[in-house]
Amino acid sequence: LGRMQFLQILSRKPGSLEMLFQIPFCQKQFPYTCLSTSACVYSKKKKGNSYEQVDQEKYKNLVHSVTSYKTSTQTPETILEEDNLLYGPPGKHRPPIKAGTKTPKNWVPLINPSKRILPVSSDSNVPMKIGLQRTKMPSVTRILQETLSPQQVFYLERWKNKMIEELGKEGFEEYTKNLFLQGELFHSALESIFLSEEKTAKEQGEDDVVAGYLSSVEHVLKDISEVKALESGVHHETLQYLGLVDCVAKYRGRLCVIDWKTSEKPKPFLQNTYDNPLQVAAYIGAINHDANYDFQVRCGLVVVAYKNGSPAHPHFMDPDLCSQYWNKWLLRLGEYMDKN
């Protein structure tokens, strides 16, 4: 900055700059500084390349690679070659087999292709209620209980032991007895609501032990119509198992097997309901292969009601999801048959 100010002062006096840039004057006044017009702002000469100062012979390959390529030297072929060297050829790498992709030994379709669907009759608004056959065929509930995974058995036993520690053995027995009773009363109350359109869920549950559960499902009941079956027995004629279906009705216009569940803890996702989707799929398959029912079902619904009255969680199962759980059910059924 000081030098620039000095030059500005000299430029005001005529002849000063000419004298300044004479070589003898420069050497005398500034022995360690060499001023050149080529280094001045007036020059347009390009700045020197720093790579030119590198020892070319010593770093020949490195300098050549840096100065010759503006982009990466990698190509798809070199990347593939490098991958083959590190991980082996693509043919040797096999993706892991996903769980649940097994094929059942005795596969039967969920939808019965040979079932004849009768036209809707005038008295079809009366829900069916077929008694459960007492035969040697196993029930859906029994099959699922006897084919629990070791992990499921572990968590079930841990929960049972924890409850016994808190309530005692007799207290735990009373607790489970009350849960079973509340479930029965809840299902009976729902059946009364569906059979008598005059009563609402709120009226049915007044001063009752199931008042909270009925209040919980009140918003779900508004979406249910055309009830076709209530607490009705079903059996699969080909696979030889049976069960008791809670309800078959339309939910938001789609015919479903509906399974009502009670819970003290929230279950906002279908996976929180454990084996309930398999149970629904098993009932759908049984209805579709049961000659007592002149219709077929493709969808399912698991409704989890809460004792404290908080809004129930309805988990809808579309046909694709029902097919997935149907395959899982067939695997569990096959496992049961192998054990027995």
Protein backbone atom coordinates (compact mmCIF):
# COMPACT_ATOMS: atom_id res chain seq x y z
CA LEU A 1 0.00 0.00 0.00
CA GLY A 2 2.89 2.32 0.84
CA ARG A 3 4.51 1.68 -2.51
CA MET A 4 1.28 2.47 -4.35
CA GLN A 5 0.97 5.80 -2.51
CA PHE A 6 4.59 6.58 -3.36
CA LEU A 7 3.93 5.93 -7.06
CA GLN A 8 0.84 8.13 -6.98
CA ILE A 9 2.86 11.04 -5.57
CA LEU A 10 5.56 10.65 -8.20
CA SER A 11 3.01 10.50 -11.01
CA ARG A 12 1.93 14.06 -10.22
CA LYS A 13 5.39 15.39 -11.10
CA PRO A 14 6.41 15.31 -14.78
CA GLY A 15 9.33 13.07 -15.55
CA SER A 16 9.40 11.51 -12.15
CA LEU A 17 8.20 8.07 -13.28
CA GLU A 18 10.69 7.97 -16.18
CA MET A 19 13.54 8.58 -13.76
CA LEU A 20 12.22 6.09 -11.27
CA PHE A 21 12.13 3.18 -13.68
CA GLN A 22 15.63 3.68 -14.96
CA ILE A 23 17.70 0.64 -13.97
CA PRO A 24 20.54 2.51 -12.17
CA PHE A 25 18.03 4.40 -10.08
CA CYS A 26 16.17 1.21 -9.14
CA GLN A 27 19.31 -0.58 -8.09
CA LYS A 28 20.50 2.41 -6.04
CA GLN A 29 17.30 3.32 -4.25
CA PHE A 30 15.75 -0.17 -3.94
CA PRO A 31 18.54 -2.78 -3.94
CA TYR A 32 16.21 -5.62 -2.76
CA THR A 33 13.18 -4.75 -4.84
CA CYS A 34 12.79 -5.13 -8.55
CA LEU A 35 9.92 -3.21 -10.09
CA SER A 36 8.74 -4.26 -13.48
CA THR A 37 5.93 -2.98 -15.65
CA SER A 38 5.10 -6.61 -16.50
CA ALA A 39 4.06 -7.20 -12.88
CA CYS A 40 1.96 -4.06 -12.75
CA VAL A 41 -1.84 -3.86 -12.87
CA TYR A 42 -1.55 -2.77 -16.45
CA SER A 43 -0.32 -6.27 -17.47
CA LYS A 44 -2.67 -8.88 -18.88
CA LYS A 45 -0.15 -11.75 -18.81
CA LYS A 46 -1.62 -15.03 -17.48
CA LYS A 47 -0.58 -16.22 -14.06
CA GLY A 48 1.98 -19.00 -14.07
CA ASN A 49 0.83 -22.63 -13.60
CA SER A 50 2.07 -23.96 -10.25
CA TYR A 51 2.30 -27.48 -11.70
CA GLU A 52 5.14 -26.28 -13.96
CA GLN A 53 7.35 -25.95 -10.87
CA VAL A 54 6.86 -29.59 -9.88
CA ASP A 55 9.67 -32.06 -10.50
CA GLN A 56 8.20 -33.56 -13.67
CA GLU A 57 10.43 -36.64 -13.74
CA LYS A 58 9.96 -37.54 -10.09
CA TYR A 59 6.15 -37.21 -10.10
CA LYS A 60 5.57 -37.87 -13.79
CA ASN A 61 2.58 -40.23 -13.43
CA LEU A 62 0.88 -38.15 -10.74
CA VAL A 63 1.29 -34.86 -12.62
CA HIS A 64 0.01 -36.48 -15.81
CA SER A 65 -3.13 -37.87 -14.14
CA VAL A 66 -3.94 -34.55 -12.43
CA THR A 67 -3.36 -32.32 -15.46
CA SER A 68 -4.85 -34.64 -18.09
CA TYR A 69 -8.32 -35.47 -16.62
CA LYS A 70 -11.04 -33.07 -15.56
CA THR A 71 -13.39 -35.86 -14.44
CA SER A 72 -13.05 -39.22 -12.73
CA THR A 73 -11.29 -41.94 -14.65
CA GLN A 74 -13.83 -44.47 -13.31
CA THR A 75 -16.09 -46.07 -15.89
CA PRO A 76 -18.92 -48.62 -15.44
CA GLU A 77 -16.51 -51.29 -16.61
CA THR A 78 -13.80 -50.38 -14.10
CA ILE A 79 -16.35 -50.14 -11.27
CA LEU A 80 -17.71 -53.60 -12.16
CA GLU A 81 -14.18 -54.97 -12.31
CA GLU A 82 -13.41 -53.49 -8.89
CA ASP A 83 -16.64 -54.91 -7.40
CA ASN A 84 -15.87 -58.34 -8.82
CA LEU A 85 -12.44 -58.20 -7.23
CA LEU A 86 -13.81 -57.18 -3.82
CA TYR A 87 -17.10 -59.09 -3.63
CA GLY A 88 -16.89 -61.71 -6.36
CA PRO A 89 -19.00 -62.08 -9.53
CA PRO A 90 -22.69 -61.04 -9.27
CA GLY A 91 -23.84 -64.64 -9.85
CA LYS A 92 -22.24 -65.75 -6.58
CA HIS A 93 -24.18 -63.23 -4.49
CA ARG A 94 -27.69 -64.39 -3.56
CA PRO A 95 -30.17 -62.19 -1.67
CA PRO A 96 -31.31 -63.58 1.69
CA ILE A 97 -34.59 -65.47 1.69
CA LYS A 98 -37.32 -63.41 3.30
CA ALA A 99 -39.27 -64.84 6.20
CA GLY A 100 -42.81 -65.90 5.48
CA THR A 101 -42.19 -66.79 1.82
CA LYS A 102 -42.67 -70.53 2.36
CA THR A 103 -45.31 -72.27 0.29
CA PRO A 104 -47.91 -74.34 2.17
CA LYS A 105 -47.88 -78.06 1.41
CA ASN A 106 -51.65 -78.32 0.88
CA TRP A 107 -52.50 -75.02 -0.74
CA VAL A 108 -56.18 -74.18 -1.13
CA PRO A 109 -57.34 -70.83 -2.59
CA LEU A 110 -58.91 -68.29 -0.26
CA ILE A 111 -61.75 -67.71 -2.75
CA ASN A 112 -63.73 -70.79 -3.75
CA PRO A 113 -63.85 -70.84 -7.58
CA SER A 114 -66.58 -73.52 -7.69
CA LYS A 115 -68.95 -71.94 -5.19
CA ARG A 116 -72.29 -70.90 -6.60
CA ILE A 117 -73.47 -67.48 -5.44
CA LEU A 118 -77.25 -67.34 -5.08
CA PRO A 119 -79.21 -64.16 -5.81
CA VAL A 120 -80.08 -61.96 -2.85
CA SER A 121 -83.44 -62.98 -1.38
CA SER A 122 -86.01 -60.71 0.23
CA ASP A 123 -85.37 -62.01 3.75
CA SER A 124 -81.59 -61.69 3.46
CA ASN A 125 -81.64 -58.80 5.94
CA VAL A 126 -81.94 -61.33 8.80
CA PRO A 127 -78.40 -62.24 9.96
CA MET A 128 -77.44 -65.91 9.85
CA LYS A 129 -76.65 -67.68 13.12
CA ILE A 130 -75.54 -71.26 12.53
CA GLY A 131 -74.69 -73.38 15.54
CA LEU A 132 -71.11 -74.56 15.90
CA GLN A 133 -70.72 -78.22 14.98
CA ARG A 134 -69.26 -80.41 17.70
CA THR A 135 -66.97 -82.65 15.72
CA LYS A 136 -63.38 -83.86 15.94
CA MET A 137 -62.27 -81.01 13.69
CA PRO A 138 -59.92 -78.58 15.49
CA SER A 139 -60.95 -74.98 15.99
CA VAL A 140 -59.07 -71.99 14.62
CA THR A 141 -58.32 -70.82 18.18
CA ARG A 142 -56.85 -74.19 19.16
CA ILE A 143 -54.69 -74.41 16.05
CA LEU A 144 -53.21 -70.95 16.64
CA GLN A 145 -52.59 -71.63 20.34
CA GLU A 146 -50.75 -74.89 19.66
CA THR A 147 -48.55 -73.43 16.91
CA LEU A 148 -47.26 -70.35 18.72
CA SER A 149 -43.64 -69.49 17.97
CA PRO A 150 -41.06 -69.82 20.79
CA GLN A 151 -40.87 -66.03 20.94
CA GLN A 152 -44.65 -65.73 21.36
CA VAL A 153 -44.63 -68.40 24.08
CA PHE A 154 -41.79 -66.58 25.88
CA TYR A 155 -43.60 -63.23 25.98
CA LEU A 156 -46.89 -64.85 26.95
CA GLU A 157 -45.29 -66.70 29.86
CA ARG A 158 -43.41 -63.59 30.97
CA TRP A 159 -46.65 -61.59 31.02
CA LYS A 160 -48.43 -64.36 32.94
CA ASN A 161 -45.66 -64.60 35.57
CA LYS A 162 -45.61 -60.83 35.99
CA MET A 163 -49.38 -60.72 36.55
CA ILE A 164 -49.18 -63.58 39.08
CA GLU A 165 -46.49 -61.69 40.99
CA GLU A 166 -48.73 -58.62 41.16
CA LEU A 167 -52.11 -60.27 41.76
CA GLY A 168 -51.24 -63.69 43.15
CA LYS A 169 -52.35 -66.95 41.58
CA GLU A 170 -56.00 -66.65 42.67
CA GLY A 171 -56.08 -62.98 41.73
CA PHE A 172 -54.76 -63.74 38.26
CA GLU A 173 -57.39 -66.45 37.75
CA GLU A 174 -60.09 -63.98 38.78
CA TYR A 175 -58.61 -61.37 36.44
CA THR A 176 -58.66 -63.68 33.41
CA LYS A 177 -62.16 -64.86 34.31
CA ASN A 178 -63.40 -61.25 34.36
CA LEU A 179 -61.71 -60.52 31.02
CA PHE A 180 -63.44 -63.50 29.46
CA LEU A 181 -66.79 -62.47 30.95
CA GLN A 182 -66.41 -58.89 29.72
CA GLY A 183 -65.62 -60.19 26.22
CA GLU A 184 -68.75 -62.32 26.22
CA LEU A 185 -70.92 -59.45 27.46
CA PHE A 186 -69.39 -57.11 24.87
CA HIS A 187 -70.20 -59.50 22.02
CA SER A 188 -73.74 -60.05 23.35
CA ALA A 189 -74.30 -56.29 23.56
CA LEU A 190 -73.12 -55.83 19.95
CA GLU A 191 -75.39 -58.63 18.80
CA SER A 192 -78.35 -56.94 20.49
CA ILE A 193 -77.48 -53.65 18.77
CA PHE A 194 -77.35 -55.26 15.32
CA LEU A 195 -80.59 -57.17 15.84
CA SER A 196 -82.45 -54.15 17.21
CA GLU A 197 -81.90 -50.97 15.27
CA GLU A 198 -83.78 -48.98 17.90
CA LYS A 199 -81.01 -49.32 20.49
CA THR A 200 -77.78 -47.44 20.13
CA ALA A 201 -74.43 -48.42 21.56
CA LYS A 202 -74.73 -45.72 24.21
CA GLU A 203 -78.15 -46.91 25.36
CA GLN A 204 -77.10 -50.55 25.39
CA GLY A 205 -74.05 -49.82 27.52
CA GLU A 206 -75.62 -47.62 30.19
CA ASP A 207 -74.85 -48.83 33.75
CA ASP A 208 -73.09 -51.86 32.32
CA VAL A 209 -69.60 -53.31 32.73
CA VAL A 210 -69.12 -53.01 28.96
CA ALA A 211 -70.17 -49.37 28.73
CA GLY A 212 -66.61 -48.27 27.96
CA TYR A 213 -66.16 -50.83 25.18
CA LEU A 214 -69.46 -49.87 23.52
CA SER A 215 -68.62 -46.20 23.73
CA SER A 216 -65.24 -47.03 22.18
CA VAL A 217 -66.74 -48.67 19.06
CA GLU A 218 -69.58 -46.19 18.55
CA HIS A 219 -67.83 -44.42 15.68
CA VAL A 220 -67.06 -47.78 13.98
CA LEU A 221 -70.69 -48.95 14.16
CA LYS A 222 -71.73 -45.99 12.01
CA ASP A 223 -69.73 -47.47 9.10
CA ILE A 224 -71.23 -50.96 9.39
CA SER A 225 -74.29 -52.04 7.39
CA GLU A 226 -76.02 -55.12 5.90
CA VAL A 227 -75.12 -57.58 8.64
CA LYS A 228 -75.18 -61.10 7.16
CA ALA A 229 -74.05 -63.28 10.09
CA LEU A 230 -73.65 -62.94 13.88
CA GLU A 231 -71.85 -65.38 16.20
CA SER A 232 -72.19 -68.01 13.50
CA GLY A 233 -70.33 -71.31 13.16
CA VAL A 234 -68.22 -71.99 10.05
CA HIS A 235 -66.19 -74.96 8.89
CA HIS A 236 -63.80 -75.50 5.99
CA GLU A 237 -64.98 -78.55 4.14
CA THR A 238 -61.64 -79.22 2.44
CA LEU A 239 -59.13 -78.34 5.15
CA GLN A 240 -61.28 -79.67 8.00
CA TYR A 241 -61.23 -76.96 10.65
CA LEU A 242 -64.00 -74.89 12.23
CA GLY A 243 -64.61 -71.66 14.11
CA LEU A 244 -67.13 -69.16 15.41
CA VAL A 245 -67.33 -65.91 13.43
CA ASP A 246 -68.18 -62.74 15.37
CA CYS A 247 -69.77 -60.86 12.51
CA VAL A 248 -70.04 -60.70 8.73
CA ALA A 249 -71.18 -57.31 7.47
CA LYS A 250 -70.28 -54.46 5.17
CA TYR A 251 -67.74 -51.96 6.44
CA ARG A 252 -67.79 -48.77 4.38
CA GLY A 253 -69.49 -50.68 1.59
CA ARG A 254 -67.17 -53.74 1.51
CA LEU A 255 -68.23 -57.13 2.86
CA CYS A 256 -65.91 -58.20 5.69
CA VAL A 257 -65.41 -60.81 8.36
CA ILE A 258 -65.34 -58.62 11.48
CA ASP A 259 -63.53 -59.69 14.62
CA TRP A 260 -64.24 -57.68 17.80
CA LYS A 261 -61.37 -57.53 20.30
CA THR A 262 -61.09 -55.87 23.72
CA SER A 263 -57.90 -54.39 25.11
CA GLU A 264 -56.67 -52.29 28.00
CA LYS A 265 -53.65 -51.09 26.02
CA PRO A 266 -53.77 -49.18 22.71
CA LYS A 267 -53.16 -51.19 19.53
CA PRO A 268 -52.98 -48.61 16.75
CA PHE A 269 -51.41 -50.94 14.16
CA LEU A 270 -52.51 -54.29 12.76
CA GLN A 271 -49.23 -55.95 13.79
CA ASN A 272 -50.09 -55.07 17.41
CA THR A 273 -52.98 -57.56 17.24
CA TYR A 274 -50.64 -60.57 16.99
CA ASP A 275 -52.48 -63.59 15.45
CA ASN A 276 -55.87 -61.89 15.03
CA PRO A 277 -55.35 -61.26 11.26
CA LEU A 278 -54.62 -64.98 10.77
CA GLN A 279 -57.83 -65.79 12.61
CA VAL A 280 -59.81 -63.46 10.34
CA ALA A 281 -58.22 -64.98 7.22
CA ALA A 282 -59.04 -68.49 8.47
CA TYR A 283 -62.70 -67.50 8.97
CA ILE A 284 -62.87 -65.93 5.49
CA GLY A 285 -61.54 -69.11 3.91
CA ALA A 286 -63.97 -71.24 5.93
CA ILE A 287 -67.00 -69.16 4.92
CA ASN A 288 -65.99 -69.29 1.26
CA HIS A 289 -65.78 -73.11 1.41
CA ASP A 290 -68.82 -73.64 3.64
CA ALA A 291 -71.98 -74.65 1.77
CA ASN A 292 -74.17 -73.05 4.46
CA TYR A 293 -73.18 -69.57 3.24
CA ASP A 294 -74.41 -68.40 -0.16
CA PHE A 295 -71.85 -65.61 -0.43
CA GLN A 296 -68.10 -65.14 -0.43
CA VAL A 297 -65.95 -62.69 1.53
CA ARG A 298 -62.73 -61.04 0.36
CA CYS A 299 -61.98 -58.50 3.12
CA GLY A 300 -61.51 -58.50 6.88
CA LEU A 301 -61.72 -56.09 9.80
CA VAL A 302 -60.15 -56.31 13.26
CA VAL A 303 -61.72 -53.81 15.69
CA VAL A 304 -59.89 -53.20 18.98
CA ALA A 305 -62.18 -51.68 21.63
CA TYR A 306 -60.92 -50.07 24.84
CA LYS A 307 -62.38 -50.34 28.33
CA ASN A 308 -61.75 -46.66 29.10
CA GLY A 309 -63.97 -45.61 26.18
CA SER A 310 -61.21 -44.16 23.99
CA PRO A 311 -61.95 -44.48 20.24
CA ALA A 312 -61.47 -48.02 18.97
CA HIS A 313 -58.91 -48.82 16.29
CA PRO A 314 -60.47 -50.46 13.20
CA HIS A 315 -57.85 -52.33 11.15
CA PHE A 316 -59.12 -52.99 7.62
CA MET A 317 -57.67 -55.91 5.63
CA ASP A 318 -58.01 -55.61 1.85
CA PRO A 319 -58.03 -58.69 -0.43
CA ASP A 320 -54.25 -58.61 -0.99
CA LEU A 321 -53.56 -58.42 2.74
CA CYS A 322 -56.08 -61.20 3.42
CA SER A 323 -54.30 -63.41 0.86
CA GLN A 324 -50.97 -62.84 2.62
CA TYR A 325 -52.39 -63.81 5.99
CA TRP A 326 -54.22 -66.76 4.39
CA ASN A 327 -50.87 -68.21 3.29
CA LYS A 328 -49.50 -67.73 6.81
CA TRP A 329 -52.57 -69.42 8.23
CA LEU A 330 -52.10 -72.41 5.91
CA LEU A 331 -48.52 -72.77 7.18
CA ARG A 332 -49.73 -72.76 10.79
CA LEU A 333 -52.45 -75.26 9.90
CA GLY A 334 -49.91 -77.53 8.23
CA GLU A 335 -47.66 -77.30 11.29
CA TYR A 336 -50.58 -78.31 13.50
CA MET A 337 -51.47 -81.25 11.28
CA ASP A 338 -47.86 -82.48 11.34
CA LYS A 339 -47.83 -82.40 15.15
CA ASN A 340 -51.12 -84.23 15.44
